[in-house]
PDB file of N, CA and C in Angstrom:
ATOM      1  N   UNK A   1    -101.649 169.462 127.660  1.00  0.00           N
ATOM      2  CA  UNK A   1    -101.689 170.751 126.992  1.00  0.00           C
ATOM      3  C   UNK A   1    -101.612 170.523 125.483  1.00  0.00           C
ATOM      4  N   UNK A   2    -102.430 171.241 124.766  1.00  0.00           N
ATOM      5  CA  UNK A   2    -102.444 171.111 123.312  1.00  0.00           C
ATOM      6  C   UNK A   2    -101.162 171.693 122.719  1.00  0.00           C
ATOM      7  N   UNK A   3    -100.739 171.179 121.578  1.00  0.00           N
ATOM      8  CA  UNK A   3     -99.522 171.707 120.954  1.00  0.00           C
ATOM      9  C   UNK A   3     -99.613 173.202 120.634  1.00  0.00           C
ATOM     10  N   UNK A   4    -100.789 173.679 120.254  1.00  0.00           N
ATOM     11  CA  UNK A   4    -100.936 175.095 119.934  1.00  0.00           C
ATOM     12  C   UNK A   4    -100.767 175.960 121.185  1.00  0.00           C
ATOM     13  N   UNK A   5    -101.268 175.485 122.315  1.00  0.00           N
ATOM     14  CA  UNK A   5    -101.080 176.212 123.573  1.00  0.00           C
ATOM     15  C   UNK A   5     -99.615 176.182 124.008  1.00  0.00           C
ATOM     16  N   UNK A   6     -98.954 175.051 123.795  1.00  0.00           N
ATOM     17  CA  UNK A   6     -97.518 174.963 124.094  1.00  0.00           C
ATOM     18  C   UNK A   6     -96.745 175.943 123.220  1.00  0.00           C
ATOM     19  N   UNK A   7     -97.118 176.012 121.949  1.00  0.00           N
ATOM     20  CA  UNK A   7     -96.448 176.925 121.022  1.00  0.00           C
ATOM     21  C   UNK A   7     -96.631 178.368 121.472  1.00  0.00           C
ATOM     22  N   UNK A   8     -97.816 178.715 121.916  1.00  0.00           N
ATOM     23  CA  UNK A   8     -98.070 180.079 122.400  1.00  0.00           C
ATOM     24  C   UNK A   8     -97.228 180.367 123.632  1.00  0.00           C
ATOM     25  N   UNK A   9     -97.147 179.421 124.548  1.00  0.00           N
ATOM     26  CA  UNK A   9     -96.359 179.611 125.766  1.00  0.00           C
ATOM     27  C   UNK A   9     -94.881 179.805 125.435  1.00  0.00           C
ATOM     28  N   UNK A  10     -94.356 178.970 124.569  1.00  0.00           N
ATOM     29  CA  UNK A  10     -92.944 179.073 124.188  1.00  0.00           C
ATOM     30  C   UNK A  10     -92.694 180.374 123.436  1.00  0.00           C
ATOM     31  N   UNK A  11     -93.617 180.760 122.553  1.00  0.00           N
ATOM     32  CA  UNK A  11     -93.462 182.001 121.797  1.00  0.00           C
ATOM     33  C   UNK A  11     -93.493 183.204 122.728  1.00  0.00           C
ATOM     34  N   UNK A  12     -94.371 183.188 123.721  1.00  0.00           N
ATOM     35  CA  UNK A  12     -94.422 184.282 124.695  1.00  0.00           C
ATOM     36  C   UNK A  12     -93.117 184.393 125.475  1.00  0.00           C
ATOM     37  N   UNK A  13     -92.591 183.265 125.919  1.00  0.00           N
ATOM     38  CA  UNK A  13     -91.333 183.304 126.669  1.00  0.00           C
ATOM     39  C   UNK A  13     -90.181 183.745 125.773  1.00  0.00           C
ATOM     40  N   UNK A  14     -90.215 183.343 124.519  1.00  0.00           N
ATOM     41  CA  UNK A  14     -89.184 183.766 123.569  1.00  0.00           C
ATOM     42  C   UNK A  14     -89.279 185.264 123.309  1.00  0.00           C
ATOM     43  N   UNK A  15     -90.499 185.766 123.197  1.00  0.00           N
ATOM     44  CA  UNK A  15     -90.686 187.203 122.990  1.00  0.00           C
ATOM     45  C   UNK A  15     -90.175 187.994 124.194  1.00  0.00           C
ATOM     46  N   UNK A  16     -90.465 187.520 125.391  1.00  0.00           N
ATOM     47  CA  UNK A  16     -89.958 188.185 126.597  1.00  0.00           C
ATOM     48  C   UNK A  16     -88.436 188.161 126.630  1.00  0.00           C
ATOM     49  N   UNK A  17     -87.864 187.078 126.189  1.00  0.00           N
ATOM     50  CA  UNK A  17     -86.412 186.933 126.194  1.00  0.00           C
ATOM     51  C   UNK A  17     -85.745 187.905 125.228  1.00  0.00           C
ATOM     52  N   UNK A  18     -86.294 188.054 124.034  1.00  0.00           N
ATOM     53  CA  UNK A  18     -85.660 188.943 123.052  1.00  0.00           C
ATOM     54  C   UNK A  18     -85.958 190.407 123.327  1.00  0.00           C
ATOM     55  N   UNK A  19     -86.998 190.706 124.099  1.00  0.00           N
ATOM     56  CA  UNK A  19     -87.320 192.096 124.414  1.00  0.00           C
ATOM     57  C   UNK A  19     -86.516 192.640 125.588  1.00  0.00           C
ATOM     58  N   UNK A  20     -85.849 191.766 126.326  1.00  0.00           N
ATOM     59  CA  UNK A  20     -85.014 192.229 127.430  1.00  0.00           C
ATOM     60  C   UNK A  20     -83.771 192.908 126.867  1.00  0.00           C
ATOM     61  N   UNK A  21     -83.316 193.989 127.515  1.00  0.00           N
ATOM     62  CA  UNK A  21     -82.052 194.586 127.075  1.00  0.00           C
ATOM     63  C   UNK A  21     -80.895 193.630 127.366  1.00  0.00           C
ATOM     64  N   UNK A  22     -79.975 193.543 126.419  1.00  0.00           N
ATOM     65  CA  UNK A  22     -78.878 192.585 126.527  1.00  0.00           C
ATOM     66  C   UNK A  22     -77.554 193.339 126.523  1.00  0.00           C
ATOM     67  N   UNK A  23     -76.728 193.077 127.512  1.00  0.00           N
ATOM     68  CA  UNK A  23     -75.388 193.655 127.522  1.00  0.00           C
ATOM     69  C   UNK A  23     -74.455 192.752 126.724  1.00  0.00           C
ATOM     70  N   UNK A  24     -73.331 193.283 126.349  1.00  0.00           N
ATOM     71  CA  UNK A  24     -72.399 192.491 125.539  1.00  0.00           C
ATOM     72  C   UNK A  24     -71.822 191.320 126.337  1.00  0.00           C
ATOM     73  N   UNK A  25     -71.781 191.446 127.657  1.00  0.00           N
ATOM     74  CA  UNK A  25     -71.262 190.356 128.484  1.00  0.00           C
ATOM     75  C   UNK A  25     -72.237 189.184 128.545  1.00  0.00           C
ATOM     76  N   UNK A  26     -73.532 189.493 128.597  1.00  0.00           N
ATOM     77  CA  UNK A  26     -74.554 188.456 128.741  1.00  0.00           C
ATOM     78  C   UNK A  26     -75.085 187.956 127.407  1.00  0.00           C
ATOM     79  N   UNK A  27     -74.586 188.488 126.326  1.00  0.00           N
ATOM     80  CA  UNK A  27     -75.143 188.172 125.013  1.00  0.00           C
ATOM     81  C   UNK A  27     -75.015 186.692 124.667  1.00  0.00           C
ATOM     82  N   UNK A  28     -73.901 186.076 124.989  1.00  0.00           N
ATOM     83  CA  UNK A  28     -73.714 184.653 124.676  1.00  0.00           C
ATOM     84  C   UNK A  28     -74.748 183.785 125.394  1.00  0.00           C
ATOM     85  N   UNK A  29     -75.006 184.112 126.637  1.00  0.00           N
ATOM     86  CA  UNK A  29     -75.983 183.347 127.413  1.00  0.00           C
ATOM     87  C   UNK A  29     -77.375 183.515 126.820  1.00  0.00           C
ATOM     88  N   UNK A  30     -77.713 184.744 126.450  1.00  0.00           N
ATOM     89  CA  UNK A  30     -79.035 185.015 125.881  1.00  0.00           C
ATOM     90  C   UNK A  30     -79.188 184.312 124.538  1.00  0.00           C
ATOM     91  N   UNK A  31     -78.145 184.303 123.734  1.00  0.00           N
ATOM     92  CA  UNK A  31     -78.200 183.623 122.434  1.00  0.00           C
ATOM     93  C   UNK A  31     -78.424 182.127 122.628  1.00  0.00           C
ATOM     94  N   UNK A  32     -77.757 181.535 123.610  1.00  0.00           N
ATOM     95  CA  UNK A  32     -77.975 180.111 123.888  1.00  0.00           C
ATOM     96  C   UNK A  32     -79.409 179.845 124.336  1.00  0.00           C
ATOM     97  N   UNK A  33     -79.946 180.736 125.172  1.00  0.00           N
ATOM     98  CA  UNK A  33     -81.331 180.577 125.619  1.00  0.00           C
ATOM     99  C   UNK A  33     -82.296 180.698 124.446  1.00  0.00           C
ATOM    100  N   UNK A  34     -82.031 181.635 123.553  1.00  0.00           N
ATOM    101  CA  UNK A  34     -82.878 181.800 122.363  1.00  0.00           C
ATOM    102  C   UNK A  34     -82.822 180.542 121.507  1.00  0.00           C
ATOM    103  N   UNK A  35     -81.635 179.992 121.328  1.00  0.00           N
ATOM    104  CA  UNK A  35     -81.503 178.773 120.532  1.00  0.00           C
ATOM    105  C   UNK A  35     -82.269 177.612 121.162  1.00  0.00           C
ATOM    106  N   UNK A  36     -82.205 177.498 122.488  1.00  0.00           N
ATOM    107  CA  UNK A  36     -82.949 176.437 123.176  1.00  0.00           C
ATOM    108  C   UNK A  36     -84.455 176.601 122.975  1.00  0.00           C
ATOM    109  N   UNK A  37     -84.936 177.830 123.121  1.00  0.00           N
ATOM    110  CA  UNK A  37     -86.371 178.089 122.935  1.00  0.00           C
ATOM    111  C   UNK A  37     -86.793 177.803 121.497  1.00  0.00           C
ATOM    112  N   UNK A  38     -85.946 178.179 120.543  1.00  0.00           N
ATOM    113  CA  UNK A  38     -86.280 177.925 119.139  1.00  0.00           C
ATOM    114  C   UNK A  38     -86.322 176.425 118.843  1.00  0.00           C
ATOM    115  N   UNK A  39     -85.438 175.664 119.471  1.00  0.00           N
ATOM    116  CA  UNK A  39     -85.444 174.212 119.296  1.00  0.00           C
ATOM    117  C   UNK A  39     -86.723 173.609 119.872  1.00  0.00           C
ATOM    118  N   UNK A  40     -87.091 174.047 121.071  1.00  0.00           N
ATOM    119  CA  UNK A  40     -88.341 173.571 121.677  1.00  0.00           C
ATOM    120  C   UNK A  40     -89.529 173.934 120.787  1.00  0.00           C
ATOM    121  N   UNK A  41     -89.504 175.139 120.296  1.00  0.00           N
ATOM    122  CA  UNK A  41     -90.608 175.629 119.471  1.00  0.00           C
ATOM    123  C   UNK A  41     -90.731 174.826 118.182  1.00  0.00           C
ATOM    124  N   UNK A  42     -89.595 174.488 117.589  1.00  0.00           N
ATOM    125  CA  UNK A  42     -89.622 173.712 116.350  1.00  0.00           C
ATOM    126  C   UNK A  42     -90.205 172.323 116.584  1.00  0.00           C
ATOM    127  N   UNK A  43     -89.886 171.719 117.727  1.00  0.00           N
ATOM    128  CA  UNK A  43     -90.448 170.403 118.049  1.00  0.00           C
ATOM    129  C   UNK A  43     -91.967 170.472 118.163  1.00  0.00           C
ATOM    130  N   UNK A  44     -92.460 171.546 118.772  1.00  0.00           N
ATOM    131  CA  UNK A  44     -93.911 171.704 118.919  1.00  0.00           C
ATOM    132  C   UNK A  44     -94.552 171.993 117.565  1.00  0.00           C
ATOM    133  N   UNK A  45     -93.891 172.790 116.736  1.00  0.00           N
ATOM    134  CA  UNK A  45     -94.426 173.107 115.402  1.00  0.00           C
ATOM    135  C   UNK A  45     -94.557 171.838 114.571  1.00  0.00           C
ATOM    136  N   UNK A  46     -93.604 170.932 114.718  1.00  0.00           N
ATOM    137  CA  UNK A  46     -93.671 169.671 113.974  1.00  0.00           C
ATOM    138  C   UNK A  46     -94.884 168.827 114.381  1.00  0.00           C
ATOM    139  N   UNK A  47     -95.384 169.013 115.597  1.00  0.00           N
ATOM    140  CA  UNK A  47     -96.540 168.261 116.082  1.00  0.00           C
ATOM    141  C   UNK A  47     -97.869 168.896 115.683  1.00  0.00           C
ATOM    142  N   UNK A  48     -97.832 170.136 115.207  1.00  0.00           N
ATOM    143  CA  UNK A  48     -99.075 170.860 114.913  1.00  0.00           C
ATOM    144  C   UNK A  48     -99.821 170.272 113.727  1.00  0.00           C
ATOM    145  N   UNK A  49    -101.123 170.429 113.802  1.00  0.00           N
ATOM    146  CA  UNK A  49    -102.007 170.055 112.700  1.00  0.00           C
ATOM    147  C   UNK A  49    -102.724 171.325 112.257  1.00  0.00           C
ATOM    148  N   UNK A  50    -103.505 171.230 111.217  1.00  0.00           N
ATOM    149  CA  UNK A  50    -104.233 172.409 110.751  1.00  0.00           C
ATOM    150  C   UNK A  50    -105.247 172.839 111.809  1.00  0.00           C
ATOM    151  N   UNK A  51    -105.445 174.159 111.965  1.00  0.00           N
ATOM    152  CA  UNK A  51    -106.384 174.636 112.984  1.00  0.00           C
ATOM    153  C   UNK A  51    -107.816 174.217 112.664  1.00  0.00           C
ATOM    154  N   UNK A  52    -108.534 173.781 113.688  1.00  0.00           N
ATOM    155  CA  UNK A  52    -109.895 173.281 113.507  1.00  0.00           C
ATOM    156  C   UNK A  52    -110.953 174.338 113.810  1.00  0.00           C
ATOM    157  N   UNK A  53    -110.712 175.175 114.803  1.00  0.00           N
ATOM    158  CA  UNK A  53    -111.719 176.146 115.220  1.00  0.00           C
ATOM    159  C   UNK A  53    -111.241 177.562 114.939  1.00  0.00           C
ATOM    160  N   UNK A  54    -112.162 178.506 115.076  1.00  0.00           N
ATOM    161  CA  UNK A  54    -111.806 179.911 114.885  1.00  0.00           C
ATOM    162  C   UNK A  54    -110.849 180.392 115.969  1.00  0.00           C
ATOM    163  N   UNK A  55    -110.998 179.873 117.177  1.00  0.00           N
ATOM    164  CA  UNK A  55    -110.084 180.244 118.257  1.00  0.00           C
ATOM    165  C   UNK A  55    -108.660 179.806 117.937  1.00  0.00           C
ATOM    166  N   UNK A  56    -108.527 178.618 117.364  1.00  0.00           N
ATOM    167  CA  UNK A  56    -107.203 178.135 116.969  1.00  0.00           C
ATOM    168  C   UNK A  56    -106.603 179.029 115.889  1.00  0.00           C
ATOM    169  N   UNK A  57    -107.432 179.467 114.953  1.00  0.00           N
ATOM    170  CA  UNK A  57    -106.944 180.340 113.884  1.00  0.00           C
ATOM    171  C   UNK A  57    -106.507 181.690 114.438  1.00  0.00           C
ATOM    172  N   UNK A  58    -107.281 182.240 115.372  1.00  0.00           N
ATOM    173  CA  UNK A  58    -106.912 183.518 115.988  1.00  0.00           C
ATOM    174  C   UNK A  58    -105.621 183.376 116.782  1.00  0.00           C
ATOM    175  N   UNK A  59    -105.500 182.274 117.487  1.00  0.00           N
ATOM    176  CA  UNK A  59    -104.286 182.016 118.258  1.00  0.00           C
ATOM    177  C   UNK A  59    -103.085 181.885 117.324  1.00  0.00           C
ATOM    178  N   UNK A  60    -103.292 181.228 116.190  1.00  0.00           N
ATOM    179  CA  UNK A  60    -102.225 181.098 115.198  1.00  0.00           C
ATOM    180  C   UNK A  60    -101.817 182.448 114.630  1.00  0.00           C
ATOM    181  N   UNK A  61    -102.778 183.320 114.363  1.00  0.00           N
ATOM    182  CA  UNK A  61    -102.468 184.662 113.860  1.00  0.00           C
ATOM    183  C   UNK A  61    -101.690 185.466 114.902  1.00  0.00           C
ATOM    184  N   UNK A  62    -102.078 185.323 116.163  1.00  0.00           N
ATOM    185  CA  UNK A  62    -101.370 186.008 117.243  1.00  0.00           C
ATOM    186  C   UNK A  62     -99.926 185.520 117.330  1.00  0.00           C
ATOM    187  N   UNK A  63     -99.745 184.223 117.191  1.00  0.00           N
ATOM    188  CA  UNK A  63     -98.393 183.647 117.238  1.00  0.00           C
ATOM    189  C   UNK A  63     -97.561 184.160 116.064  1.00  0.00           C
ATOM    190  N   UNK A  64     -98.162 184.270 114.887  1.00  0.00           N
ATOM    191  CA  UNK A  64     -97.436 184.774 113.716  1.00  0.00           C
ATOM    192  C   UNK A  64     -97.011 186.229 113.900  1.00  0.00           C
ATOM    193  N   UNK A  65     -97.864 187.050 114.505  1.00  0.00           N
ATOM    194  CA  UNK A  65     -97.498 188.449 114.767  1.00  0.00           C
ATOM    195  C   UNK A  65     -96.310 188.519 115.720  1.00  0.00           C
ATOM    196  N   UNK A  66     -96.362 187.705 116.757  1.00  0.00           N
ATOM    197  CA  UNK A  66     -95.261 187.696 117.718  1.00  0.00           C
ATOM    198  C   UNK A  66     -93.986 187.162 117.072  1.00  0.00           C
ATOM    199  N   UNK A  67     -94.140 186.234 116.148  1.00  0.00           N
ATOM    200  CA  UNK A  67     -92.983 185.674 115.456  1.00  0.00           C
ATOM    201  C   UNK A  67     -92.261 186.749 114.649  1.00  0.00           C
ATOM    202  N   UNK A  68     -93.009 187.633 114.025  1.00  0.00           N
ATOM    203  CA  UNK A  68     -92.383 188.723 113.260  1.00  0.00           C
ATOM    204  C   UNK A  68     -91.571 189.633 114.178  1.00  0.00           C
ATOM    205  N   UNK A  69     -92.133 189.938 115.339  1.00  0.00           N
ATOM    206  CA  UNK A  69     -91.418 190.775 116.304  1.00  0.00           C
ATOM    207  C   UNK A  69     -90.150 190.069 116.770  1.00  0.00           C
ATOM    208  N   UNK A  70     -90.257 188.780 117.028  1.00  0.00           N
ATOM    209  CA  UNK A  70     -89.101 187.997 117.475  1.00  0.00           C
ATOM    210  C   UNK A  70     -88.017 188.001 116.404  1.00  0.00           C
ATOM    211  N   UNK A  71     -88.402 187.821 115.153  1.00  0.00           N
ATOM    212  CA  UNK A  71     -87.425 187.816 114.065  1.00  0.00           C
ATOM    213  C   UNK A  71     -86.705 189.153 113.960  1.00  0.00           C
ATOM    214  N   UNK A  72     -87.428 190.256 114.111  1.00  0.00           N
ATOM    215  CA  UNK A  72     -86.796 191.575 114.054  1.00  0.00           C
ATOM    216  C   UNK A  72     -85.787 191.749 115.180  1.00  0.00           C
ATOM    217  N   UNK A  73     -86.156 191.337 116.375  1.00  0.00           N
ATOM    218  CA  UNK A  73     -85.258 191.480 117.526  1.00  0.00           C
ATOM    219  C   UNK A  73     -84.022 190.592 117.381  1.00  0.00           C
ATOM    220  N   UNK A  74     -84.201 189.405 116.848  1.00  0.00           N
ATOM    221  CA  UNK A  74     -83.056 188.513 116.641  1.00  0.00           C
ATOM    222  C   UNK A  74     -82.130 189.100 115.576  1.00  0.00           C
ATOM    223  N   UNK A  75     -82.692 189.725 114.546  1.00  0.00           N
ATOM    224  CA  UNK A  75     -81.866 190.374 113.526  1.00  0.00           C
ATOM    225  C   UNK A  75     -81.070 191.531 114.136  1.00  0.00           C
ATOM    226  N   UNK A  76     -81.691 192.297 115.033  1.00  0.00           N
ATOM    227  CA  UNK A  76     -80.974 193.373 115.716  1.00  0.00           C
ATOM    228  C   UNK A  76     -79.828 192.807 116.548  1.00  0.00           C
ATOM    229  N   UNK A  77     -80.082 191.708 117.210  1.00  0.00           N
ATOM    230  CA  UNK A  77     -79.040 191.062 118.003  1.00  0.00           C
ATOM    231  C   UNK A  77     -77.898 190.594 117.109  1.00  0.00           C
ATOM    232  N   UNK A  78     -78.238 190.053 115.950  1.00  0.00           N
ATOM    233  CA  UNK A  78     -77.231 189.614 114.991  1.00  0.00           C
ATOM    234  C   UNK A  78     -76.401 190.798 114.498  1.00  0.00           C
ATOM    235  N   UNK A  79     -77.046 191.919 114.223  1.00  0.00           N
ATOM    236  CA  UNK A  79     -76.318 193.107 113.782  1.00  0.00           C
ATOM    237  C   UNK A  79     -75.375 193.613 114.866  1.00  0.00           C
ATOM    238  N   UNK A  80     -75.805 193.555 116.122  1.00  0.00           N
ATOM    239  CA  UNK A  80     -74.928 193.955 117.220  1.00  0.00           C
ATOM    240  C   UNK A  80     -73.693 193.066 117.288  1.00  0.00           C
ATOM    241  N   UNK A  81     -73.883 191.781 117.098  1.00  0.00           N
ATOM    242  CA  UNK A  81     -72.752 190.849 117.115  1.00  0.00           C
ATOM    243  C   UNK A  81     -71.806 191.161 115.959  1.00  0.00           C
ATOM    244  N   UNK A  82     -72.352 191.420 114.775  1.00  0.00           N
ATOM    245  CA  UNK A  82     -71.516 191.748 113.618  1.00  0.00           C
ATOM    246  C   UNK A  82     -70.741 193.040 113.843  1.00  0.00           C
ATOM    247  N   UNK A  83     -71.395 194.042 114.430  1.00  0.00           N
ATOM    248  CA  UNK A  83     -70.711 195.306 114.710  1.00  0.00           C
ATOM    249  C   UNK A  83     -69.550 195.087 115.668  1.00  0.00           C
ATOM    250  N   UNK A  84     -69.783 194.296 116.703  1.00  0.00           N
ATOM    251  CA  UNK A  84     -68.717 194.022 117.665  1.00  0.00           C
ATOM    252  C   UNK A  84     -67.568 193.255 117.020  1.00  0.00           C
ATOM    253  N   UNK A  85     -67.888 192.329 116.126  1.00  0.00           N
ATOM    254  CA  UNK A  85     -66.832 191.573 115.445  1.00  0.00           C
ATOM    255  C   UNK A  85     -66.013 192.495 114.543  1.00  0.00           C
ATOM    256  N   UNK A  86     -66.673 193.376 113.807  1.00  0.00           N
ATOM    257  CA  UNK A  86     -65.954 194.316 112.952  1.00  0.00           C
ATOM    258  C   UNK A  86     -65.117 195.282 113.775  1.00  0.00           C
ATOM    259  N   UNK A  87     -65.657 195.728 114.893  1.00  0.00           N
ATOM    260  CA  UNK A  87     -64.924 196.627 115.782  1.00  0.00           C
ATOM    261  C   UNK A  87     -63.674 195.938 116.323  1.00  0.00           C
ATOM    262  N   UNK A  88     -63.816 194.686 116.716  1.00  0.00           N
ATOM    263  CA  UNK A  88     -62.674 193.929 117.231  1.00  0.00           C
ATOM    264  C   UNK A  88     -61.624 193.720 116.136  1.00  0.00           C
ATOM    265  N   UNK A  89     -62.074 193.409 114.931  1.00  0.00           N
ATOM    266  CA  UNK A  89     -61.152 193.193 113.815  1.00  0.00           C
ATOM    267  C   UNK A  89     -60.403 194.479 113.480  1.00  0.00           C
ATOM    268  N   UNK A  90     -61.114 195.596 113.479  1.00  0.00           N
ATOM    269  CA  UNK A  90     -60.487 196.884 113.188  1.00  0.00           C
ATOM    270  C   UNK A  90     -59.477 197.241 114.270  1.00  0.00           C
ATOM    271  N   UNK A  91     -59.828 196.985 115.522  1.00  0.00           N
ATOM    272  CA  UNK A  91     -58.913 197.257 116.627  1.00  0.00           C
ATOM    273  C   UNK A  91     -57.656 196.399 116.509  1.00  0.00           C
ATOM    274  N   UNK A  92     -57.822 195.159 116.110  1.00  0.00           N
ATOM    275  CA  UNK A  92     -56.685 194.253 115.947  1.00  0.00           C
ATOM    276  C   UNK A  92     -55.763 194.755 114.839  1.00  0.00           C
ATOM    277  N   UNK A  93     -56.343 195.160 113.706  1.00  0.00           N
ATOM    278  CA  UNK A  93     -55.528 195.679 112.606  1.00  0.00           C
ATOM    279  C   UNK A  93     -54.812 196.961 113.000  1.00  0.00           C
ATOM    280  N   UNK A  94     -55.492 197.834 113.708  1.00  0.00           N
ATOM    281  CA  UNK A  94     -54.892 199.095 114.129  1.00  0.00           C
ATOM    282  C   UNK A  94     -53.735 198.856 115.083  1.00  0.00           C
ATOM    283  N   UNK A  95     -53.906 197.962 116.025  1.00  0.00           N
ATOM    284  CA  UNK A  95     -52.828 197.698 116.977  1.00  0.00           C
ATOM    285  C   UNK A  95     -51.640 197.031 116.290  1.00  0.00           C
ATOM    286  N   UNK A  96     -51.887 196.192 115.289  1.00  0.00           N
ATOM    287  CA  UNK A  96     -50.795 195.567 114.543  1.00  0.00           C
ATOM    288  C   UNK A  96     -50.024 196.617 113.757  1.00  0.00           C
ATOM    289  N   UNK A  97     -50.720 197.536 113.129  1.00  0.00           N
ATOM    290  CA  UNK A  97     -50.057 198.603 112.373  1.00  0.00           C
ATOM    291  C   UNK A  97     -49.274 199.519 113.299  1.00  0.00           C
ATOM    292  N   UNK A  98     -49.769 199.735 114.498  1.00  0.00           N
ATOM    293  CA  UNK A  98     -49.075 200.584 115.447  1.00  0.00           C
ATOM    294  C   UNK A  98     -47.788 199.920 115.921  1.00  0.00           C
ATOM    295  N   UNK A  99     -47.823 198.623 116.158  1.00  0.00           N
ATOM    296  CA  UNK A  99     -46.646 197.924 116.653  1.00  0.00           C
ATOM    297  C   UNK A  99     -45.570 197.782 115.586  1.00  0.00           C
ATOM    298  N   UNK A 100     -45.952 197.595 114.333  1.00  0.00           N
ATOM    299  CA  UNK A 100     -44.992 197.423 113.252  1.00  0.00           C
ATOM    300  C   UNK A 100     -45.477 198.213 112.030  1.00  0.00           C
ATOM    301  N   UNK A 101     -45.230 199.528 112.009  1.00  0.00           N
ATOM    302  CA  UNK A 101     -45.791 200.349 110.933  1.00  0.00           C
ATOM    303  C   UNK A 101     -45.154 200.105 109.567  1.00  0.00           C
ATOM    304  N   UNK A 102     -43.965 199.556 109.514  1.00  0.00           N
ATOM    305  CA  UNK A 102     -43.275 199.372 108.229  1.00  0.00           C
ATOM    306  C   UNK A 102     -43.314 197.927 107.751  1.00  0.00           C
ATOM    307  N   UNK A 103     -44.259 197.175 108.205  1.00  0.00           N
ATOM    308  CA  UNK A 103     -44.344 195.759 107.867  1.00  0.00           C
ATOM    309  C   UNK A 103     -44.627 195.544 106.385  1.00  0.00           C
ATOM    310  N   UNK A 104     -45.535 196.310 105.814  1.00  0.00           N
ATOM    311  CA  UNK A 104     -45.944 196.088 104.435  1.00  0.00           C
ATOM    312  C   UNK A 104     -45.302 197.067 103.457  1.00  0.00           C
ATOM    313  N   UNK A 105     -44.340 197.832 103.907  1.00  0.00           N
ATOM    314  CA  UNK A 105     -43.688 198.798 103.031  1.00  0.00           C
ATOM    315  C   UNK A 105     -42.488 198.125 102.378  1.00  0.00           C
ATOM    316  N   UNK A 106     -42.444 198.187 101.058  1.00  0.00           N
ATOM    317  CA  UNK A 106     -41.285 197.634 100.352  1.00  0.00           C
ATOM    318  C   UNK A 106     -40.744 198.725  99.428  1.00  0.00           C
ATOM    319  N   UNK A 107     -39.786 199.463  99.924  1.00  0.00           N
ATOM    320  CA  UNK A 107     -39.209 200.577  99.180  1.00  0.00           C
ATOM    321  C   UNK A 107     -37.850 200.142  98.662  1.00  0.00           C
ATOM    322  N   UNK A 108     -37.620 200.391  97.382  1.00  0.00           N
ATOM    323  CA  UNK A 108     -36.372 199.959  96.761  1.00  0.00           C
ATOM    324  C   UNK A 108     -35.385 201.114  96.583  1.00  0.00           C
ATOM    325  N   UNK A 109     -35.790 202.341  96.864  1.00  0.00           N
ATOM    326  CA  UNK A 109     -34.851 203.438  96.653  1.00  0.00           C
ATOM    327  C   UNK A 109     -33.898 203.548  97.833  1.00  0.00           C
ATOM    328  N   UNK A 110     -32.904 204.381  97.675  1.00  0.00           N
ATOM    329  CA  UNK A 110     -31.907 204.523  98.709  1.00  0.00           C
ATOM    330  C   UNK A 110     -30.606 203.838  98.338  1.00  0.00           C
ATOM    331  N   UNK A 111     -30.622 203.099  97.263  1.00  0.00           N
ATOM    332  CA  UNK A 111     -29.371 202.478  96.831  1.00  0.00           C
ATOM    333  C   UNK A 111     -28.894 203.206  95.577  1.00  0.00           C
ATOM    334  N   UNK A 112     -27.586 203.399  95.489  1.00  0.00           N
ATOM    335  CA  UNK A 112     -27.004 204.141  94.382  1.00  0.00           C
ATOM    336  C   UNK A 112     -25.886 203.289  93.793  1.00  0.00           C
ATOM    337  N   UNK A 113     -25.922 203.148  92.488  1.00  0.00           N
ATOM    338  CA  UNK A 113     -24.898 202.369  91.805  1.00  0.00           C
ATOM    339  C   UNK A 113     -23.982 203.330  91.049  1.00  0.00           C
ATOM    340  N   UNK A 114     -22.730 203.296  91.395  1.00  0.00           N
ATOM    341  CA  UNK A 114     -21.755 204.158  90.739  1.00  0.00           C
ATOM    342  C   UNK A 114     -21.196 203.404  89.551  1.00  0.00           C
ATOM    343  N   UNK A 115     -21.378 203.952  88.362  1.00  0.00           N
ATOM    344  CA  UNK A 115     -20.928 203.273  87.157  1.00  0.00           C
ATOM    345  C   UNK A 115     -19.565 203.785  86.676  1.00  0.00           C
ATOM    346  N   UNK A 116     -18.952 204.727  87.374  1.00  0.00           N
ATOM    347  CA  UNK A 116     -17.657 205.252  86.954  1.00  0.00           C
ATOM    348  C   UNK A 116     -16.565 204.246  87.279  1.00  0.00           C
ATOM    349  N   UNK A 117     -15.534 204.271  86.406  1.00  0.00           N
ATOM    350  CA  UNK A 117     -14.408 203.380  86.628  1.00  0.00           C
ATOM    351  C   UNK A 117     -13.173 204.130  86.958  1.00  0.00           C
TER     352      UNK A 117
END
C-alpha cells in the first residue's frame, strides 16, 4: 500500500473516532486511541514524498480537509477536559470552604485593653 493511501486510511479512521460522541467516562480511552492514530499518521507522513499525479494531489487536498475537521473536534475535546478540570477545582474549593469557613479569616478585634490604674 502506498504511503498516501495509508495516510488516507488512518485519517478516515481518526475522523470516525473523533466524530463519535464521547462520554466523560470513556474520554481517557478515546484520547489514548487518538494519540495512537496520530502517532501512526505521523510515521506515514514522514514517509511521504511530493505528489506526482493529479489523483495524488486531489487525495492530499481531501486529507487536508479532513485534517481541519479532526483538529476542530480535538479542540472541542480539549475544551471539555478543561471545563471538567475547572469544575472539579471549583467543587474542591467549595467543599473546603464549607468544611472550614473561617480558615482564611484573621480578625484582630474583640480584645480590649484597659489602661486605667
